[in-house]
Amino acid sequence: MQLSTTPYEERLTAPRSWWLVCFLVGVSLALILLPFGTLLMLGGLVGGTAASAVVASSYGSVRIRVVNGSLIAGEARIPVTALGEAEILDAEEARAWRTYKADTRAFLLLRSYIPGALKVEVTDPADPTPYLYLSTREPERLAEAIRAARTAAA
């Protein structure tokens, strides 16, 4: 049986406002270096902006994929056969599961700037993780991709 290669893929990119903050970090460093000369000031502007952009980009490079019978979320990889039901969380419910409802054993791939999320039960008895909390902009599509992959694997 040939499973589809990429039924779902999403990259959790940093919001646009973070890129403005990256530029402001560069401006701040340039102002700090201004008394030492124009060349150092320009170097601070370019270097500070570039360094903070690298940090923002690496934080926003997390991907969620359902591929070849597995759910890959950041560094976690779990077969869809070990997953139970997926619960779509709206913004209010997602905030609750990020805070006071959260289980310390759960796998959380959270980005607070993404309002929606998906909570997926882990049914594997050998895995101590009770559920996966995944921040996603398209929780309906992700839940459907997990269901489809689970059906195809069965």
Protein backbone atom coordinates (compact mmCIF):
# COMPACT_ATOMS: atom_id res chain seq x y z
CA MET A 1 0.00 0.00 0.00
CA GLN A 2 1.45 3.36 -1.04
CA LEU A 3 0.72 6.18 1.38
CA SER A 4 0.54 9.71 0.06
CA THR A 5 3.75 11.65 0.50
CA THR A 6 2.45 14.90 2.00
CA PRO A 7 -1.25 15.09 2.86
CA TYR A 8 -0.61 17.92 5.31
CA GLU A 9 2.26 20.31 5.91
CA GLU A 10 2.32 23.60 7.80
CA ARG A 11 5.12 25.91 8.84
CA LEU A 12 4.53 27.94 11.99
CA THR A 13 6.16 31.16 10.85
CA ALA A 14 6.77 34.11 13.13
CA PRO A 15 4.26 36.97 12.82
CA ARG A 16 5.04 40.01 10.67
CA SER A 17 5.40 42.26 13.69
CA TRP A 18 8.47 40.29 14.79
CA TRP A 19 10.33 41.42 11.68
CA LEU A 20 9.76 45.04 12.70
CA VAL A 21 11.15 44.17 16.13
CA CYS A 22 14.23 42.67 14.42
CA PHE A 23 14.81 45.95 12.61
CA LEU A 24 14.34 47.88 15.86
CA VAL A 25 16.97 45.67 17.53
CA GLY A 26 19.36 46.68 14.75
CA VAL A 27 18.49 50.36 15.20
CA SER A 28 19.06 50.05 18.95
CA LEU A 29 22.48 48.49 18.44
CA ALA A 30 23.32 51.17 15.87
CA LEU A 31 22.44 53.91 18.39
CA ILE A 32 24.60 52.22 21.02
CA LEU A 33 27.54 52.13 18.62
CA LEU A 34 27.00 55.65 17.23
CA PRO A 35 29.61 57.30 19.51
CA PHE A 36 32.28 54.95 18.11
CA GLY A 37 31.88 56.04 14.48
CA THR A 38 29.68 55.75 11.44
CA LEU A 39 31.18 52.49 10.23
CA LEU A 40 30.54 50.73 13.54
CA MET A 41 27.04 52.22 13.66
CA LEU A 42 26.22 50.78 10.23
CA GLY A 43 27.75 47.46 11.25
CA GLY A 44 25.58 47.45 14.36
CA LEU A 45 22.48 48.20 12.29
CA VAL A 46 23.17 45.39 9.83
CA GLY A 47 24.55 42.93 12.37
CA GLY A 48 21.83 43.50 14.99
CA THR A 49 19.06 43.25 12.42
CA ALA A 50 20.57 40.11 10.87
CA ALA A 51 21.22 38.37 14.19
CA SER A 52 17.72 39.02 15.52
CA ALA A 53 16.20 37.98 12.17
CA VAL A 54 18.06 34.66 12.37
CA VAL A 55 16.64 34.07 15.85
CA ALA A 56 13.10 34.94 14.74
CA SER A 57 13.41 32.80 11.63
CA SER A 58 14.69 29.77 13.51
CA TYR A 59 11.87 30.05 16.05
CA GLY A 60 9.38 30.27 13.19
CA SER A 61 10.78 27.36 11.22
CA VAL A 62 8.86 24.68 13.11
CA ARG A 63 6.81 22.43 10.85
CA ILE A 64 3.86 20.16 11.42
CA ARG A 65 3.47 17.36 8.88
CA VAL A 66 1.44 14.23 8.42
CA VAL A 67 3.49 12.08 6.10
CA ASN A 68 3.87 8.33 5.45
CA GLY A 69 1.77 7.28 8.41
CA SER A 70 3.45 9.58 10.92
CA LEU A 71 2.70 12.89 12.56
CA ILE A 72 5.86 15.00 12.68
CA ALA A 73 5.58 18.09 14.87
CA GLY A 74 8.85 19.88 15.45
CA GLU A 75 11.24 17.28 16.87
CA ALA A 76 8.47 14.80 17.74
CA ARG A 77 7.60 11.93 15.42
CA ILE A 78 4.73 9.61 16.27
CA PRO A 79 2.92 7.03 14.13
CA VAL A 80 -0.71 7.91 13.49
CA THR A 81 -1.71 4.44 14.69
CA ALA A 82 -0.66 5.54 18.21
CA LEU A 83 -2.97 8.56 18.10
CA GLY A 84 -6.57 8.78 19.24
CA GLU A 85 -9.19 11.41 18.59
CA ALA A 86 -8.23 14.95 17.65
CA GLU A 87 -10.06 17.81 19.36
CA ILE A 88 -10.15 21.19 17.64
CA LEU A 89 -9.61 24.00 20.14
CA ASP A 90 -10.83 27.54 19.60
CA ALA A 91 -8.81 30.49 20.92
CA GLU A 92 -10.33 30.43 24.42
CA GLU A 93 -10.06 26.67 24.86
CA ALA A 94 -6.52 26.68 23.43
CA ARG A 95 -5.49 29.28 26.00
CA ALA A 96 -6.94 27.10 28.76
CA TRP A 97 -5.00 24.02 27.57
CA ARG A 98 -1.80 26.10 27.39
CA THR A 99 -2.20 27.22 30.99
CA TYR A 100 -4.25 25.75 33.82
CA LYS A 101 -5.57 22.62 32.02
CA ALA A 102 -2.14 21.57 30.76
CA ASP A 103 -0.63 18.26 31.81
CA THR A 104 3.11 18.39 32.49
CA ARG A 105 3.60 15.08 30.66
CA ALA A 106 2.00 16.36 27.44
CA PHE A 107 3.93 17.32 24.32
CA LEU A 108 3.29 21.00 23.65
CA LEU A 109 4.21 22.57 20.35
CA LEU A 110 2.81 25.94 21.13
CA ARG A 111 3.10 29.33 19.61
CA SER A 112 1.14 31.88 21.60
CA TYR A 113 0.67 34.11 18.54
CA ILE A 114 -1.38 31.38 16.84
CA PRO A 115 -4.87 31.40 18.37
CA GLY A 116 -6.12 27.96 17.28
CA ALA A 117 -4.82 24.55 18.27
CA LEU A 118 -5.40 20.84 18.03
CA LYS A 119 -5.30 18.44 20.96
CA VAL A 120 -4.62 14.84 19.94
CA GLU A 121 -4.84 11.93 22.36
CA VAL A 122 -1.94 9.48 22.49
CA THR A 123 -3.35 5.95 22.77
CA ASP A 124 -0.07 4.04 22.90
CA PRO A 125 0.10 2.44 26.39
CA ALA A 126 3.92 2.45 26.31
CA ASP A 127 4.02 6.22 25.76
CA PRO A 128 3.66 8.30 28.96
CA THR A 129 2.52 11.33 26.93
CA PRO A 130 -1.25 11.74 27.42
CA TYR A 131 -1.82 14.08 24.48
CA LEU A 132 -0.20 16.35 21.93
CA TYR A 133 -1.05 20.05 21.92
CA LEU A 134 -0.26 21.53 18.52
CA SER A 135 -0.66 25.20 17.68
CA THR A 136 -1.93 25.38 14.13
CA ARG A 137 -3.57 27.90 11.87
CA GLU A 138 -5.65 25.16 10.22
CA PRO A 139 -6.80 22.73 12.95
CA GLU A 140 -9.63 21.28 10.83
CA ARG A 141 -7.28 20.31 8.00
CA LEU A 142 -4.73 18.82 10.41
CA ALA A 143 -7.40 16.76 12.18
CA GLU A 144 -8.72 15.51 8.85
CA ALA A 145 -5.18 14.62 7.68
CA ILE A 146 -4.57 12.62 10.87
CA ARG A 147 -7.90 10.80 10.45
CA ALA A 148 -7.16 10.04 6.79
CA ALA A 149 -3.65 8.78 7.59
CA ARG A 150 -4.98 6.62 10.42
CA THR A 151 -7.61 5.13 8.10
CA ALA A 152 -5.01 4.48 5.38
CA ALA A 153 -2.65 2.83 7.88
CA ALA A 154 -5.35 0.53 9.26
